[in-house]
């Protein structure tokens, strides 16, 4: 049970952050980042970076 107002605000902020992260992950899955089949760390990093860039470009394009 949450005992103080500070604790309540902390958990509310965590909940908002979690929802935002889950939404972004869902959108990245729609871009093709479902299962990363990378053999090396470099390949994994490239896949994640390119997917993130594509996500950001789509966000900008939707805002136009």
C-alpha atoms as a PDB file:
ATOM      1  CA  UNK A   1       0.000   0.000   0.000  1.00  0.00           C
ATOM      2  CA  UNK A   2       1.206   3.496  -0.864  1.00  0.00           C
ATOM      3  CA  UNK A   3       1.783   5.426   2.324  1.00  0.00           C
ATOM      4  CA  UNK A   4       2.703   8.964   1.287  1.00  0.00           C
ATOM      5  CA  UNK A   5       1.933  11.535  -1.378  1.00  0.00           C
ATOM      6  CA  UNK A   6       5.557  11.452  -2.557  1.00  0.00           C
ATOM      7  CA  UNK A   7       5.338   7.718  -3.078  1.00  0.00           C
ATOM      8  CA  UNK A   8       2.030   8.090  -4.928  1.00  0.00           C
ATOM      9  CA  UNK A   9       3.532  10.685  -7.300  1.00  0.00           C
ATOM     10  CA  UNK A  10       6.590   8.479  -7.842  1.00  0.00           C
ATOM     11  CA  UNK A  11       4.467   5.496  -8.896  1.00  0.00           C
ATOM     12  CA  UNK A  12       2.237   7.703 -11.056  1.00  0.00           C
ATOM     13  CA  UNK A  13       5.307   9.024 -12.897  1.00  0.00           C
ATOM     14  CA  UNK A  14       6.652   5.480 -13.331  1.00  0.00           C
ATOM     15  CA  UNK A  15       3.315   4.366 -14.740  1.00  0.00           C
ATOM     16  CA  UNK A  16       3.288   7.193 -17.305  1.00  0.00           C
ATOM     17  CA  UNK A  17       6.864   6.407 -18.318  1.00  0.00           C
ATOM     18  CA  UNK A  18       6.070   2.708 -18.687  1.00  0.00           C
ATOM     19  CA  UNK A  19       3.070   3.430 -20.907  1.00  0.00           C
ATOM     20  CA  UNK A  20       5.135   5.754 -23.090  1.00  0.00           C
ATOM     21  CA  UNK A  21       7.908   3.160 -23.483  1.00  0.00           C
ATOM     22  CA  UNK A  22       5.431   0.404 -24.333  1.00  0.00           C
ATOM     23  CA  UNK A  23       3.815   2.621 -26.969  1.00  0.00           C
ATOM     24  CA  UNK A  24       7.183   3.368 -28.568  1.00  0.00           C
ATOM     25  CA  UNK A  25       8.141  -0.327 -28.531  1.00  0.00           C
ATOM     26  CA  UNK A  26       4.829  -1.144 -30.193  1.00  0.00           C
ATOM     27  CA  UNK A  27       5.479   1.403 -32.922  1.00  0.00           C
ATOM     28  CA  UNK A  28       9.020   0.078 -33.419  1.00  0.00           C
ATOM     29  CA  UNK A  29       7.576  -3.416 -33.816  1.00  0.00           C
ATOM     30  CA  UNK A  30       5.382  -2.056 -36.593  1.00  0.00           C
ATOM     31  CA  UNK A  31       8.549  -0.789 -38.291  1.00  0.00           C
ATOM     32  CA  UNK A  32       9.992  -4.288 -38.310  1.00  0.00           C
ATOM     33  CA  UNK A  33      11.893  -4.514 -35.038  1.00  0.00           C
ATOM     34  CA  UNK A  34      10.085  -7.635 -33.880  1.00  0.00           C
ATOM     35  CA  UNK A  35      12.917  -9.997 -33.261  1.00  0.00           C
ATOM     36  CA  UNK A  36      16.458  -8.823 -33.657  1.00  0.00           C
ATOM     37  CA  UNK A  37      18.535 -11.514 -35.316  1.00  0.00           C
ATOM     38  CA  UNK A  38      21.936 -10.003 -34.855  1.00  0.00           C
ATOM     39  CA  UNK A  39      25.059 -12.101 -34.698  1.00  0.00           C
ATOM     40  CA  UNK A  40      27.283  -9.380 -33.289  1.00  0.00           C
ATOM     41  CA  UNK A  41      26.831  -6.499 -30.894  1.00  0.00           C
ATOM     42  CA  UNK A  42      27.574  -4.138 -33.742  1.00  0.00           C
ATOM     43  CA  UNK A  43      24.733  -5.631 -35.786  1.00  0.00           C
ATOM     44  CA  UNK A  44      22.360  -5.308 -32.849  1.00  0.00           C
ATOM     45  CA  UNK A  45      23.373  -1.687 -32.294  1.00  0.00           C
ATOM     46  CA  UNK A  46      22.933  -0.843 -35.977  1.00  0.00           C
ATOM     47  CA  UNK A  47      19.477  -2.443 -36.093  1.00  0.00           C
ATOM     48  CA  UNK A  48      18.313  -0.556 -33.003  1.00  0.00           C
ATOM     49  CA  UNK A  49      19.809   2.770 -34.109  1.00  0.00           C
ATOM     50  CA  UNK A  50      18.319   2.572 -37.607  1.00  0.00           C
ATOM     51  CA  UNK A  51      14.915   1.609 -36.234  1.00  0.00           C
ATOM     52  CA  UNK A  52      15.027   4.528 -33.819  1.00  0.00           C
ATOM     53  CA  UNK A  53      15.992   6.922 -36.613  1.00  0.00           C
ATOM     54  CA  UNK A  54      13.141   5.600 -38.769  1.00  0.00           C
ATOM     55  CA  UNK A  55      10.738   6.077 -35.845  1.00  0.00           C
ATOM     56  CA  UNK A  56      11.882   9.677 -35.377  1.00  0.00           C
ATOM     57  CA  UNK A  57      11.555  10.422 -39.092  1.00  0.00           C
ATOM     58  CA  UNK A  58       8.011   9.052 -39.087  1.00  0.00           C
ATOM     59  CA  UNK A  59       7.141  11.199 -36.081  1.00  0.00           C
ATOM     60  CA  UNK A  60       8.409  14.302 -37.905  1.00  0.00           C
ATOM     61  CA  UNK A  61       6.532  13.367 -41.091  1.00  0.00           C
ATOM     62  CA  UNK A  62       3.274  12.901 -39.147  1.00  0.00           C
ATOM     63  CA  UNK A  63       3.727  16.336 -37.600  1.00  0.00           C
ATOM     64  CA  UNK A  64       3.962  18.053 -40.975  1.00  0.00           C
END
